Amino acid sequence: MGIETKDALLVLDDIKARNIAKSLGIRITGTLGIILKAKEKNLIPSVKIVLSEMEEVSFRISEEIKKEILRIAKEK
């Protein structure tokens, strides 16, 4: 589907799937990229709140990545 659709943007978190998509020239983003875009467009008030809720349902994210995402979102 991503190859067949011009300017497709696939949402992938799995590293193997991301690598394959990249090798095929398909644009990708992940869940965290979607969350950052939602904050940028004022669709959500806080990335930090969303990340906390995701962690409560076992979404795994390293502290390093979490800090970087919050930095990008200009949140502490």
PDB file of N, CA and C in Angstrom:
ATOM      1  N   MET A   1       0.820  -1.176   0.000  1.00  0.00           N
ATOM      2  CA  MET A   1       0.000   0.000   0.000  1.00  0.00           C
ATOM      3  C   MET A   1       0.874   1.254   0.000  1.00  0.00           C
ATOM      4  N   GLY A   2       1.905   1.324   0.831  1.00  0.00           N
ATOM      5  CA  GLY A   2       2.773   2.486   0.872  1.00  0.00           C
ATOM      6  C   GLY A   2       3.496   2.735  -0.431  1.00  0.00           C
ATOM      7  N   ILE A   3       3.839   1.685  -1.132  1.00  0.00           N
ATOM      8  CA  ILE A   3       4.529   1.825  -2.419  1.00  0.00           C
ATOM      9  C   ILE A   3       3.540   2.288  -3.487  1.00  0.00           C
ATOM     10  N   GLU A   4       2.324   1.833  -3.417  1.00  0.00           N
ATOM     11  CA  GLU A   4       1.325   2.123  -4.441  1.00  0.00           C
ATOM     12  C   GLU A   4       0.710   3.515  -4.308  1.00  0.00           C
ATOM     13  N   THR A   5       0.771   4.099  -3.122  1.00  0.00           N
ATOM     14  CA  THR A   5       0.147   5.386  -2.865  1.00  0.00           C
ATOM     15  C   THR A   5       1.201   6.482  -2.855  1.00  0.00           C
ATOM     16  N   LYS A   6       1.049   7.437  -3.751  1.00  0.00           N
ATOM     17  CA  LYS A   6       2.005   8.534  -3.839  1.00  0.00           C
ATOM     18  C   LYS A   6       1.998   9.334  -2.534  1.00  0.00           C
ATOM     19  N   ASP A   7       3.187   9.676  -2.049  1.00  0.00           N
ATOM     20  CA  ASP A   7       3.357  10.466  -0.824  1.00  0.00           C
ATOM     21  C   ASP A   7       2.777   9.797   0.415  1.00  0.00           C
ATOM     22  N   ALA A   8       2.765   8.468   0.432  1.00  0.00           N
ATOM     23  CA  ALA A   8       2.264   7.742   1.601  1.00  0.00           C
ATOM     24  C   ALA A   8       3.178   7.989   2.794  1.00  0.00           C
ATOM     25  N   LEU A   9       2.597   7.981   3.966  1.00  0.00           N
ATOM     26  CA  LEU A   9       3.338   8.071   5.218  1.00  0.00           C
ATOM     27  C   LEU A   9       2.867   6.916   6.092  1.00  0.00           C
ATOM     28  N   LEU A  10       3.738   5.951   6.294  1.00  0.00           N
ATOM     29  CA  LEU A  10       3.383   4.794   7.110  1.00  0.00           C
ATOM     30  C   LEU A  10       3.731   5.049   8.562  1.00  0.00           C
ATOM     31  N   VAL A  11       2.864   4.595   9.455  1.00  0.00           N
ATOM     32  CA  VAL A  11       3.117   4.691  10.885  1.00  0.00           C
ATOM     33  C   VAL A  11       3.622   3.329  11.333  1.00  0.00           C
ATOM     34  N   LEU A  12       4.908   3.288  11.669  1.00  0.00           N
ATOM     35  CA  LEU A  12       5.549   2.032  12.067  1.00  0.00           C
ATOM     36  C   LEU A  12       6.413   2.251  13.296  1.00  0.00           C
ATOM     37  N   ASP A  13       6.315   1.358  14.258  1.00  0.00           N
ATOM     38  CA  ASP A  13       7.194   1.400  15.421  1.00  0.00           C
ATOM     39  C   ASP A  13       8.211   0.262  15.400  1.00  0.00           C
ATOM     40  N   ASP A  14       7.889  -0.816  14.724  1.00  0.00           N
ATOM     41  CA  ASP A  14       8.774  -1.974  14.658  1.00  0.00           C
ATOM     42  C   ASP A  14      10.017  -1.639  13.833  1.00  0.00           C
ATOM     43  N   ILE A  15      11.194  -1.835  14.413  1.00  0.00           N
ATOM     44  CA  ILE A  15      12.444  -1.440  13.761  1.00  0.00           C
ATOM     45  C   ILE A  15      12.673  -2.185  12.450  1.00  0.00           C
ATOM     46  N   LYS A  16      12.344  -3.465  12.395  1.00  0.00           N
ATOM     47  CA  LYS A  16      12.525  -4.217  11.146  1.00  0.00           C
ATOM     48  C   LYS A  16      11.625  -3.667  10.044  1.00  0.00           C
ATOM     49  N   ALA A  17      10.386  -3.390  10.385  1.00  0.00           N
ATOM     50  CA  ALA A  17       9.445  -2.845   9.405  1.00  0.00           C
ATOM     51  C   ALA A  17       9.891  -1.459   8.947  1.00  0.00           C
ATOM     52  N   ARG A  18      10.407  -0.658   9.879  1.00  0.00           N
ATOM     53  CA  ARG A  18      10.892   0.680   9.530  1.00  0.00           C
ATOM     54  C   ARG A  18      12.061   0.590   8.550  1.00  0.00           C
ATOM     55  N   ASN A  19      12.976  -0.326   8.813  1.00  0.00           N
ATOM     56  CA  ASN A  19      14.137  -0.489   7.939  1.00  0.00           C
ATOM     57  C   ASN A  19      13.733  -0.924   6.530  1.00  0.00           C
ATOM     58  N   ILE A  20      12.777  -1.826   6.445  1.00  0.00           N
ATOM     59  CA  ILE A  20      12.299  -2.280   5.135  1.00  0.00           C
ATOM     60  C   ILE A  20      11.629  -1.127   4.397  1.00  0.00           C
ATOM     61  N   ALA A  21      10.768  -0.391   5.092  1.00  0.00           N
ATOM     62  CA  ALA A  21      10.084   0.739   4.465  1.00  0.00           C
ATOM     63  C   ALA A  21      11.092   1.776   3.965  1.00  0.00           C
ATOM     64  N   LYS A  22      12.095   2.074   4.782  1.00  0.00           N
ATOM     65  CA  LYS A  22      13.128   3.027   4.376  1.00  0.00           C
ATOM     66  C   LYS A  22      13.856   2.537   3.131  1.00  0.00           C
ATOM     67  N   SER A  23      14.178   1.238   3.103  1.00  0.00           N
ATOM     68  CA  SER A  23      14.908   0.698   1.951  1.00  0.00           C
ATOM     69  C   SER A  23      14.080   0.763   0.672  1.00  0.00           C
ATOM     70  N   LEU A  24      12.765   0.817   0.817  1.00  0.00           N
ATOM     71  CA  LEU A  24      11.866   0.914  -0.327  1.00  0.00           C
ATOM     72  C   LEU A  24      11.520   2.371  -0.664  1.00  0.00           C
ATOM     73  N   GLY A  25      12.088   3.292   0.094  1.00  0.00           N
ATOM     74  CA  GLY A  25      11.847   4.707  -0.166  1.00  0.00           C
ATOM     75  C   GLY A  25      10.502   5.215   0.325  1.00  0.00           C
ATOM     76  N   ILE A  26       9.921   4.518   1.282  1.00  0.00           N
ATOM     77  CA  ILE A  26       8.616   4.915   1.820  1.00  0.00           C
ATOM     78  C   ILE A  26       8.843   5.804   3.043  1.00  0.00           C
ATOM     79  N   ARG A  27       8.120   6.909   3.088  1.00  0.00           N
ATOM     80  CA  ARG A  27       8.219   7.800   4.248  1.00  0.00           C
ATOM     81  C   ARG A  27       7.565   7.129   5.451  1.00  0.00           C
ATOM     82  N   ILE A  28       8.204   7.309   6.616  1.00  0.00           N
ATOM     83  CA  ILE A  28       7.671   6.688   7.829  1.00  0.00           C
ATOM     84  C   ILE A  28       7.663   7.682   8.982  1.00  0.00           C
ATOM     85  N   THR A  29       6.847   7.367   9.943  1.00  0.00           N
ATOM     86  CA  THR A  29       6.852   8.022  11.240  1.00  0.00           C
ATOM     87  C   THR A  29       6.452   6.946  12.236  1.00  0.00           C
ATOM     88  N   GLY A  30       6.587   7.262  13.485  1.00  0.00           N
ATOM     89  CA  GLY A  30       6.186   6.320  14.528  1.00  0.00           C
ATOM     90  C   GLY A  30       5.102   6.933  15.398  1.00  0.00           C
ATOM     91  N   THR A  31       4.696   6.194  16.381  1.00  0.00           N
ATOM     92  CA  THR A  31       3.680   6.675  17.317  1.00  0.00           C
ATOM     93  C   THR A  31       4.104   7.988  17.952  1.00  0.00           C
ATOM     94  N   LEU A  32       5.369   8.071  18.345  1.00  0.00           N
ATOM     95  CA  LEU A  32       5.850   9.289  18.994  1.00  0.00           C
ATOM     96  C   LEU A  32       5.850  10.474  18.036  1.00  0.00           C
ATOM     97  N   GLY A  33       6.118  10.226  16.779  1.00  0.00           N
ATOM     98  CA  GLY A  33       6.049  11.281  15.773  1.00  0.00           C
ATOM     99  C   GLY A  33       4.629  11.804  15.602  1.00  0.00           C
ATOM    100  N   ILE A  34       3.670  10.911  15.667  1.00  0.00           N
ATOM    101  CA  ILE A  34       2.260  11.300  15.572  1.00  0.00           C
ATOM    102  C   ILE A  34       1.878  12.155  16.779  1.00  0.00           C
ATOM    103  N   ILE A  35       2.348  11.761  17.961  1.00  0.00           N
ATOM    104  CA  ILE A  35       2.046  12.518  19.181  1.00  0.00           C
ATOM    105  C   ILE A  35       2.651  13.918  19.102  1.00  0.00           C
ATOM    106  N   LEU A  36       3.887  14.015  18.643  1.00  0.00           N
ATOM    107  CA  LEU A  36       4.523  15.326  18.500  1.00  0.00           C
ATOM    108  C   LEU A  36       3.766  16.199  17.500  1.00  0.00           C
ATOM    109  N   LYS A  37       3.332  15.619  16.400  1.00  0.00           N
ATOM    110  CA  LYS A  37       2.576  16.372  15.392  1.00  0.00           C
ATOM    111  C   LYS A  37       1.242  16.840  15.969  1.00  0.00           C
ATOM    112  N   ALA A  38       0.608  16.000  16.780  1.00  0.00           N
ATOM    113  CA  ALA A  38      -0.660  16.377  17.410  1.00  0.00           C
ATOM    114  C   ALA A  38      -0.465  17.560  18.351  1.00  0.00           C
ATOM    115  N   LYS A  39       0.628  17.576  19.087  1.00  0.00           N
ATOM    116  CA  LYS A  39       0.929  18.706  19.979  1.00  0.00           C
ATOM    117  C   LYS A  39       1.203  19.957  19.148  1.00  0.00           C
ATOM    118  N   GLU A  40       1.974  19.813  18.089  1.00  0.00           N
ATOM    119  CA  GLU A  40       2.314  20.931  17.209  1.00  0.00           C
ATOM    120  C   GLU A  40       1.053  21.587  16.630  1.00  0.00           C
ATOM    121  N   LYS A  41       0.055  20.774  16.341  1.00  0.00           N
ATOM    122  CA  LYS A  41      -1.190  21.273  15.749  1.00  0.00           C
ATOM    123  C   LYS A  41      -2.249  21.589  16.815  1.00  0.00           C
ATOM    124  N   ASN A  42      -1.820  21.584  18.082  1.00  0.00           N
ATOM    125  CA  ASN A  42      -2.715  21.882  19.212  1.00  0.00           C
ATOM    126  C   ASN A  42      -3.911  20.943  19.301  1.00  0.00           C
ATOM    127  N   LEU A  43      -3.705  19.693  18.910  1.00  0.00           N
ATOM    128  CA  LEU A  43      -4.762  18.696  19.021  1.00  0.00           C
ATOM    129  C   LEU A  43      -4.753  18.021  20.385  1.00  0.00           C
ATOM    130  N   ILE A  44      -3.612  18.081  21.045  1.00  0.00           N
ATOM    131  CA  ILE A  44      -3.478  17.577  22.412  1.00  0.00           C
ATOM    132  C   ILE A  44      -2.789  18.655  23.243  1.00  0.00           C
ATOM    133  N   PRO A  45      -3.103  18.753  24.527  1.00  0.00           N
ATOM    134  CA  PRO A  45      -2.491  19.794  25.350  1.00  0.00           C
ATOM    135  C   PRO A  45      -1.083  19.458  25.839  1.00  0.00           C
ATOM    136  N   SER A  46      -0.778  18.156  25.945  1.00  0.00           N
ATOM    137  CA  SER A  46       0.476  17.766  26.564  1.00  0.00           C
ATOM    138  C   SER A  46       0.976  16.417  26.065  1.00  0.00           C
ATOM    139  N   VAL A  47       2.205  16.399  25.591  1.00  0.00           N
ATOM    140  CA  VAL A  47       2.851  15.142  25.210  1.00  0.00           C
ATOM    141  C   VAL A  47       3.108  14.309  26.460  1.00  0.00           C
ATOM    142  N   LYS A  48       3.517  14.958  27.525  1.00  0.00           N
ATOM    143  CA  LYS A  48       3.847  14.251  28.766  1.00  0.00           C
ATOM    144  C   LYS A  48       2.661  13.435  29.278  1.00  0.00           C
ATOM    145  N   ILE A  49       1.485  14.015  29.233  1.00  0.00           N
ATOM    146  CA  ILE A  49       0.284  13.305  29.698  1.00  0.00           C
ATOM    147  C   ILE A  49       0.022  12.086  28.820  1.00  0.00           C
ATOM    148  N   VAL A  50       0.126  12.254  27.509  1.00  0.00           N
ATOM    149  CA  VAL A  50      -0.112  11.145  26.584  1.00  0.00           C
ATOM    150  C   VAL A  50       0.905  10.035  26.808  1.00  0.00           C
ATOM    151  N   LEU A  51       2.184  10.400  26.979  1.00  0.00           N
ATOM    152  CA  LEU A  51       3.212   9.385  27.230  1.00  0.00           C
ATOM    153  C   LEU A  51       2.938   8.629  28.524  1.00  0.00           C
ATOM    154  N   SER A  52       2.517   9.334  29.562  1.00  0.00           N
ATOM    155  CA  SER A  52       2.193   8.678  30.836  1.00  0.00           C
ATOM    156  C   SER A  52       1.054   7.687  30.667  1.00  0.00           C
ATOM    157  N   GLU A  53       0.029   8.093  29.928  1.00  0.00           N
ATOM    158  CA  GLU A  53      -1.105   7.199  29.691  1.00  0.00           C
ATOM    159  C   GLU A  53      -0.683   5.974  28.884  1.00  0.00           C
ATOM    160  N   MET A  54       0.205   6.179  27.927  1.00  0.00           N
ATOM    161  CA  MET A  54       0.682   5.054  27.119  1.00  0.00           C
ATOM    162  C   MET A  54       1.503   4.081  27.961  1.00  0.00           C
ATOM    163  N   GLU A  55       2.323   4.620  28.834  1.00  0.00           N
ATOM    164  CA  GLU A  55       3.132   3.754  29.701  1.00  0.00           C
ATOM    165  C   GLU A  55       2.254   2.929  30.637  1.00  0.00           C
ATOM    166  N   GLU A  56       1.118   3.482  31.016  1.00  0.00           N
ATOM    167  CA  GLU A  56       0.185   2.753  31.889  1.00  0.00           C
ATOM    168  C   GLU A  56      -0.389   1.519  31.207  1.00  0.00           C
ATOM    169  N   VAL A  57      -0.408   1.522  29.874  1.00  0.00           N
ATOM    170  CA  VAL A  57      -0.921   0.365  29.137  1.00  0.00           C
ATOM    171  C   VAL A  57       0.214  -0.405  28.460  1.00  0.00           C
ATOM    172  N   SER A  58       1.406  -0.294  29.054  1.00  0.00           N
ATOM    173  CA  SER A  58       2.589  -1.082  28.683  1.00  0.00           C
ATOM    174  C   SER A  58       3.274  -0.665  27.383  1.00  0.00           C
ATOM    175  N   PHE A  59       3.087   0.578  26.928  1.00  0.00           N
ATOM    176  CA  PHE A  59       3.878   1.080  25.807  1.00  0.00           C
ATOM    177  C   PHE A  59       5.286   1.295  26.334  1.00  0.00           C
ATOM    178  N   ARG A  60       6.260   0.677  25.686  1.00  0.00           N
ATOM    179  CA  ARG A  60       7.635   0.761  26.167  1.00  0.00           C
ATOM    180  C   ARG A  60       8.378   1.894  25.471  1.00  0.00           C
ATOM    181  N   ILE A  61       9.015   2.732  26.285  1.00  0.00           N
ATOM    182  CA  ILE A  61       9.826   3.830  25.778  1.00  0.00           C
ATOM    183  C   ILE A  61      10.964   4.066  26.769  1.00  0.00           C
ATOM    184  N   SER A  62      12.160   4.185  26.255  1.00  0.00           N
ATOM    185  CA  SER A  62      13.306   4.396  27.143  1.00  0.00           C
ATOM    186  C   SER A  62      13.247   5.802  27.722  1.00  0.00           C
ATOM    187  N   GLU A  63      13.870   5.975  28.858  1.00  0.00           N
ATOM    188  CA  GLU A  63      13.922   7.292  29.503  1.00  0.00           C
ATOM    189  C   GLU A  63      14.638   8.303  28.599  1.00  0.00           C
ATOM    190  N   GLU A  64      15.657   7.846  27.896  1.00  0.00           N
ATOM    191  CA  GLU A  64      16.409   8.722  26.993  1.00  0.00           C
ATOM    192  C   GLU A  64      15.513   9.258  25.871  1.00  0.00           C
ATOM    193  N   ILE A  65      14.756   8.376  25.267  1.00  0.00           N
ATOM    194  CA  ILE A  65      13.858   8.796  24.184  1.00  0.00           C
ATOM    195  C   ILE A  65      12.737   9.668  24.740  1.00  0.00           C
ATOM    196  N   LYS A  66      12.217   9.296  25.884  1.00  0.00           N
ATOM    197  CA  LYS A  66      11.159  10.090  26.524  1.00  0.00           C
ATOM    198  C   LYS A  66      11.645  11.515  26.774  1.00  0.00           C
ATOM    199  N   LYS A  67      12.844  11.667  27.301  1.00  0.00           N
ATOM    200  CA  LYS A  67      13.401  12.997  27.560  1.00  0.00           C
ATOM    201  C   LYS A  67      13.560  13.776  26.264  1.00  0.00           C
ATOM    202  N   GLU A  68      14.008  13.109  25.208  1.00  0.00           N
ATOM    203  CA  GLU A  68      14.195  13.776  23.923  1.00  0.00           C
ATOM    204  C   GLU A  68      12.847  14.220  23.333  1.00  0.00           C
ATOM    205  N   ILE A  69      11.843  13.389  23.425  1.00  0.00           N
ATOM    206  CA  ILE A  69      10.511  13.733  22.914  1.00  0.00           C
ATOM    207  C   ILE A  69       9.952  14.925  23.684  1.00  0.00           C
ATOM    208  N   LEU A  70      10.110  14.919  24.995  1.00  0.00           N
ATOM    209  CA  LEU A  70       9.628  16.033  25.809  1.00  0.00           C
ATOM    210  C   LEU A  70      10.409  17.310  25.508  1.00  0.00           C
ATOM    211  N   ARG A  71      11.704  17.182  25.214  1.00  0.00           N
ATOM    212  CA  ARG A  71      12.513  18.344  24.848  1.00  0.00           C
ATOM    213  C   ARG A  71      12.005  18.938  23.533  1.00  0.00           C
ATOM    214  N   ILE A  72      11.773  18.066  22.555  1.00  0.00           N
ATOM    215  CA  ILE A  72      11.262  18.526  21.264  1.00  0.00           C
ATOM    216  C   ILE A  72       9.915  19.216  21.425  1.00  0.00           C
ATOM    217  N   ALA A  73       9.077  18.667  22.319  1.00  0.00           N
ATOM    218  CA  ALA A  73       7.748  19.228  22.562  1.00  0.00           C
ATOM    219  C   ALA A  73       7.797  20.460  23.464  1.00  0.00           C
ATOM    220  N   LYS A  74       9.002  20.786  23.943  1.00  0.00           N
ATOM    221  CA  LYS A  74       9.210  21.919  24.857  1.00  0.00           C
ATOM    222  C   LYS A  74       8.412  21.734  26.154  1.00  0.00           C
ATOM    223  N   GLU A  75       8.480  20.486  26.655  1.00  0.00           N
ATOM    224  CA  GLU A  75       7.850  20.144  27.931  1.00  0.00           C
ATOM    225  C   GLU A  75       8.923  19.582  28.850  1.00  0.00           C
ATOM    226  N   LYS A  76       8.670  19.651  30.140  1.00  0.00           N
ATOM    227  CA  LYS A  76       9.638  19.100  31.100  1.00  0.00           C
ATOM    228  C   LYS A  76       9.145  17.809  31.667  1.00  0.00           C
TER     229      LYS A  76
END
